[in-house]
Amino acid sequence: MPTEDELFAAVDEVLARGPMLPPPAERIRLREAAGLTQEEVAQVLQARRETVIAWESGRKTPRPPRLQAYKRLLDGWAAKYPTSDPTPTD
């Protein structure tokens, strides 16, 4: 049985691997919820619109430091525009 310290160390190792991006469809949903165009996101992150399109489609992943900046932007939008659960609760 692993100790708490061993489990925490394993979790810390996973967290240290770097930011994980949401699925492509969620990236698009968040940008659209914020009312921004791909061009506007590209300007903010000092990238080309085609690059943002590739990130949103999942064809490419941004490299540092844009990866961290894009993740921060998506996380901010996710907090501001949470997903609504379509499943009714009884």
N, C-alpha and C. Protein backbone atom coordinates (compact mmCIF):
# COMPACT_ATOMS: atom_id res chain seq x y z
N MET A 1 0.86 -1.18 0.00
CA MET A 1 0.00 0.00 0.00
C MET A 1 0.90 1.24 0.00
N PRO A 2 0.69 2.16 -0.96
CA PRO A 2 1.53 3.36 -1.00
C PRO A 2 1.21 4.31 0.15
N THR A 3 2.22 5.05 0.52
CA THR A 3 2.02 6.05 1.57
C THR A 3 1.43 7.31 0.95
N GLU A 4 0.93 8.19 1.80
CA GLU A 4 0.40 9.47 1.33
C GLU A 4 1.49 10.26 0.62
N ASP A 5 2.69 10.27 1.18
CA ASP A 5 3.81 11.00 0.57
C ASP A 5 4.12 10.46 -0.82
N GLU A 6 4.07 9.14 -0.99
CA GLU A 6 4.34 8.55 -2.31
C GLU A 6 3.25 8.95 -3.31
N LEU A 7 2.01 8.93 -2.87
CA LEU A 7 0.92 9.33 -3.75
C LEU A 7 1.01 10.81 -4.12
N PHE A 8 1.32 11.64 -3.13
CA PHE A 8 1.47 13.07 -3.42
C PHE A 8 2.64 13.31 -4.37
N ALA A 9 3.73 12.58 -4.21
CA ALA A 9 4.88 12.72 -5.10
C ALA A 9 4.49 12.34 -6.53
N ALA A 10 3.69 11.28 -6.67
CA ALA A 10 3.24 10.87 -8.00
C ALA A 10 2.34 11.92 -8.62
N VAL A 11 1.45 12.50 -7.81
CA VAL A 11 0.57 13.56 -8.31
C VAL A 11 1.40 14.78 -8.71
N ASP A 12 2.37 15.16 -7.89
CA ASP A 12 3.22 16.30 -8.20
C ASP A 12 3.98 16.08 -9.51
N GLU A 13 4.40 14.86 -9.76
CA GLU A 13 5.10 14.54 -11.00
C GLU A 13 4.20 14.75 -12.21
N VAL A 14 2.96 14.33 -12.10
CA VAL A 14 2.00 14.52 -13.19
C VAL A 14 1.74 16.01 -13.40
N LEU A 15 1.57 16.75 -12.32
CA LEU A 15 1.34 18.19 -12.43
C LEU A 15 2.51 18.92 -13.04
N ALA A 16 3.72 18.44 -12.80
CA ALA A 16 4.92 19.09 -13.31
C ALA A 16 5.10 18.89 -14.81
N ARG A 17 4.35 18.00 -15.41
CA ARG A 17 4.50 17.73 -16.84
C ARG A 17 4.07 18.91 -17.70
N GLY A 18 3.37 19.84 -17.14
CA GLY A 18 2.98 21.02 -17.89
C GLY A 18 1.49 21.12 -18.04
N PRO A 19 1.04 22.24 -18.56
CA PRO A 19 -0.39 22.47 -18.68
C PRO A 19 -1.04 21.53 -19.69
N MET A 20 -2.18 21.05 -19.33
CA MET A 20 -2.98 20.24 -20.24
C MET A 20 -4.11 21.12 -20.77
N LEU A 21 -4.31 21.07 -22.06
CA LEU A 21 -5.35 21.88 -22.69
C LEU A 21 -6.66 21.11 -22.75
N PRO A 22 -7.78 21.82 -22.70
CA PRO A 22 -9.06 21.14 -22.86
C PRO A 22 -9.19 20.60 -24.29
N PRO A 23 -10.15 19.73 -24.53
CA PRO A 23 -10.35 19.20 -25.89
C PRO A 23 -10.62 20.34 -26.88
N PRO A 24 -10.31 20.10 -28.16
CA PRO A 24 -10.49 21.15 -29.17
C PRO A 24 -11.87 21.80 -29.18
N ALA A 25 -12.92 21.02 -29.09
CA ALA A 25 -14.27 21.60 -29.13
C ALA A 25 -14.50 22.56 -27.97
N GLU A 26 -13.92 22.25 -26.82
CA GLU A 26 -14.06 23.13 -25.66
C GLU A 26 -13.26 24.42 -25.85
N ARG A 27 -12.14 24.35 -26.50
CA ARG A 27 -11.34 25.56 -26.79
C ARG A 27 -12.17 26.53 -27.64
N ILE A 28 -12.85 25.98 -28.64
CA ILE A 28 -13.68 26.80 -29.51
C ILE A 28 -14.86 27.37 -28.72
N ARG A 29 -15.52 26.51 -27.93
CA ARG A 29 -16.67 26.96 -27.13
C ARG A 29 -16.30 28.12 -26.23
N LEU A 30 -15.15 28.01 -25.57
CA LEU A 30 -14.72 29.05 -24.64
C LEU A 30 -14.43 30.36 -25.37
N ARG A 31 -13.75 30.28 -26.51
CA ARG A 31 -13.45 31.50 -27.26
C ARG A 31 -14.75 32.16 -27.73
N GLU A 32 -15.66 31.34 -28.25
CA GLU A 32 -16.93 31.89 -28.73
C GLU A 32 -17.77 32.46 -27.58
N ALA A 33 -17.73 31.80 -26.42
CA ALA A 33 -18.47 32.31 -25.25
C ALA A 33 -17.93 33.68 -24.84
N ALA A 34 -16.62 33.86 -25.01
CA ALA A 34 -16.00 35.14 -24.68
C ALA A 34 -16.24 36.19 -25.75
N GLY A 35 -16.76 35.77 -26.90
CA GLY A 35 -17.07 36.71 -27.98
C GLY A 35 -15.85 37.18 -28.75
N LEU A 36 -14.79 36.38 -28.75
CA LEU A 36 -13.59 36.75 -29.48
C LEU A 36 -13.46 35.95 -30.77
N THR A 37 -12.78 36.54 -31.73
CA THR A 37 -12.48 35.84 -32.98
C THR A 37 -11.12 35.16 -32.84
N GLN A 38 -10.84 34.27 -33.77
CA GLN A 38 -9.52 33.64 -33.79
C GLN A 38 -8.43 34.68 -34.01
N GLU A 39 -8.73 35.68 -34.81
CA GLU A 39 -7.76 36.76 -35.07
C GLU A 39 -7.44 37.51 -33.78
N GLU A 40 -8.46 37.79 -32.97
CA GLU A 40 -8.24 38.51 -31.71
C GLU A 40 -7.38 37.69 -30.74
N VAL A 41 -7.66 36.39 -30.67
CA VAL A 41 -6.85 35.52 -29.81
C VAL A 41 -5.41 35.49 -30.32
N ALA A 42 -5.26 35.43 -31.63
CA ALA A 42 -3.92 35.43 -32.23
C ALA A 42 -3.17 36.71 -31.86
N GLN A 43 -3.85 37.84 -31.90
CA GLN A 43 -3.21 39.11 -31.55
C GLN A 43 -2.76 39.11 -30.10
N VAL A 44 -3.63 38.63 -29.21
CA VAL A 44 -3.30 38.61 -27.78
C VAL A 44 -2.07 37.73 -27.53
N LEU A 45 -2.02 36.58 -28.21
CA LEU A 45 -0.93 35.63 -27.98
C LEU A 45 0.24 35.83 -28.94
N GLN A 46 0.16 36.90 -29.73
CA GLN A 46 1.21 37.24 -30.69
C GLN A 46 1.55 36.04 -31.58
N ALA A 47 0.49 35.51 -32.18
CA ALA A 47 0.60 34.38 -33.09
C ALA A 47 -0.20 34.70 -34.34
N ARG A 48 -0.15 33.81 -35.30
CA ARG A 48 -0.95 33.98 -36.51
C ARG A 48 -2.32 33.34 -36.32
N ARG A 49 -3.30 33.84 -37.03
CA ARG A 49 -4.65 33.27 -36.97
C ARG A 49 -4.63 31.80 -37.34
N GLU A 50 -3.85 31.44 -38.34
CA GLU A 50 -3.74 30.04 -38.76
C GLU A 50 -3.20 29.15 -37.64
N THR A 51 -2.35 29.72 -36.81
CA THR A 51 -1.81 28.98 -35.68
C THR A 51 -2.91 28.71 -34.66
N VAL A 52 -3.73 29.71 -34.38
CA VAL A 52 -4.85 29.53 -33.44
C VAL A 52 -5.83 28.50 -33.99
N ILE A 53 -6.07 28.53 -35.29
CA ILE A 53 -6.94 27.53 -35.91
C ILE A 53 -6.38 26.13 -35.68
N ALA A 54 -5.08 25.97 -35.84
CA ALA A 54 -4.44 24.66 -35.63
C ALA A 54 -4.54 24.24 -34.16
N TRP A 55 -4.40 25.19 -33.23
CA TRP A 55 -4.55 24.85 -31.81
C TRP A 55 -5.98 24.42 -31.50
N GLU A 56 -6.94 25.15 -32.05
CA GLU A 56 -8.35 24.84 -31.78
C GLU A 56 -8.78 23.52 -32.40
N SER A 57 -8.15 23.13 -33.48
CA SER A 57 -8.51 21.87 -34.12
C SER A 57 -7.79 20.69 -33.47
N GLY A 58 -6.78 20.99 -32.66
CA GLY A 58 -5.99 19.93 -32.04
C GLY A 58 -4.88 19.41 -32.93
N ARG A 59 -4.70 20.01 -34.11
CA ARG A 59 -3.63 19.58 -35.01
C ARG A 59 -2.25 19.93 -34.46
N LYS A 60 -2.19 21.04 -33.73
CA LYS A 60 -0.92 21.49 -33.14
C LYS A 60 -1.16 21.90 -31.71
N THR A 61 -0.08 21.87 -30.93
CA THR A 61 -0.11 22.34 -29.54
C THR A 61 0.87 23.49 -29.44
N PRO A 62 0.46 24.57 -28.78
CA PRO A 62 1.40 25.69 -28.64
C PRO A 62 2.64 25.28 -27.86
N ARG A 63 3.72 25.94 -28.15
CA ARG A 63 4.97 25.72 -27.42
C ARG A 63 5.14 26.82 -26.39
N PRO A 64 5.89 26.53 -25.32
CA PRO A 64 6.16 27.56 -24.31
C PRO A 64 6.82 28.77 -24.97
N PRO A 65 6.53 29.95 -24.52
CA PRO A 65 5.67 30.36 -23.42
C PRO A 65 4.21 30.52 -23.83
N ARG A 66 3.89 30.37 -25.13
CA ARG A 66 2.49 30.53 -25.56
C ARG A 66 1.60 29.45 -24.97
N LEU A 67 2.14 28.26 -24.74
CA LEU A 67 1.34 27.19 -24.16
C LEU A 67 0.77 27.61 -22.81
N GLN A 68 1.62 28.15 -21.95
CA GLN A 68 1.17 28.58 -20.63
C GLN A 68 0.18 29.74 -20.75
N ALA A 69 0.45 30.67 -21.67
CA ALA A 69 -0.45 31.82 -21.85
C ALA A 69 -1.81 31.38 -22.38
N TYR A 70 -1.81 30.47 -23.35
CA TYR A 70 -3.06 29.97 -23.92
C TYR A 70 -3.84 29.20 -22.86
N LYS A 71 -3.15 28.39 -22.08
CA LYS A 71 -3.79 27.64 -20.99
C LYS A 71 -4.41 28.60 -19.98
N ARG A 72 -3.69 29.65 -19.65
CA ARG A 72 -4.21 30.64 -18.69
C ARG A 72 -5.47 31.32 -19.23
N LEU A 73 -5.44 31.65 -20.52
CA LEU A 73 -6.60 32.26 -21.16
C LEU A 73 -7.80 31.31 -21.12
N LEU A 74 -7.58 30.07 -21.51
CA LEU A 74 -8.66 29.08 -21.51
C LEU A 74 -9.19 28.83 -20.10
N ASP A 75 -8.29 28.74 -19.12
CA ASP A 75 -8.71 28.53 -17.73
C ASP A 75 -9.56 29.70 -17.23
N GLY A 76 -9.16 30.92 -17.60
CA GLY A 76 -9.92 32.10 -17.21
C GLY A 76 -11.31 32.08 -17.80
N TRP A 77 -11.39 31.72 -19.07
CA TRP A 77 -12.69 31.63 -19.71
C TRP A 77 -13.52 30.50 -19.11
N ALA A 78 -12.88 29.38 -18.80
CA ALA A 78 -13.61 28.24 -18.22
C ALA A 78 -14.24 28.63 -16.88
N ALA A 79 -13.54 29.45 -16.11
CA ALA A 79 -14.10 29.91 -14.84
C ALA A 79 -15.25 30.88 -15.07
N LYS A 80 -15.13 31.69 -16.11
CA LYS A 80 -16.14 32.70 -16.40
C LYS A 80 -17.36 32.12 -17.13
N TYR A 81 -17.11 31.10 -17.96
CA TYR A 81 -18.16 30.50 -18.79
C TYR A 81 -18.20 28.99 -18.58
N PRO A 82 -18.63 28.56 -17.40
CA PRO A 82 -18.65 27.11 -17.13
C PRO A 82 -19.64 26.39 -18.07
N THR A 83 -19.38 25.12 -18.25
CA THR A 83 -20.26 24.31 -19.08
C THR A 83 -21.57 24.09 -18.33
N SER A 84 -22.65 24.25 -19.02
CA SER A 84 -23.94 23.96 -18.39
C SER A 84 -24.23 22.48 -18.56
N ASP A 85 -24.66 21.84 -17.50
CA ASP A 85 -24.95 20.42 -17.51
C ASP A 85 -26.36 20.22 -18.06
N PRO A 86 -26.49 19.60 -19.26
CA PRO A 86 -27.82 19.41 -19.83
C PRO A 86 -28.63 18.30 -19.16
N THR A 87 -28.01 17.56 -18.25
CA THR A 87 -28.71 16.46 -17.57
C THR A 87 -29.59 17.03 -16.46
N PRO A 88 -30.89 16.78 -16.53
CA PRO A 88 -31.77 17.31 -15.47
C PRO A 88 -31.52 16.58 -14.15
N THR A 89 -31.64 17.32 -13.08
CA THR A 89 -31.47 16.71 -11.74
C THR A 89 -32.84 16.55 -11.12
N ASP A 90 -33.05 15.41 -10.49
CA ASP A 90 -34.34 15.15 -9.84
C ASP A 90 -34.18 15.10 -8.34
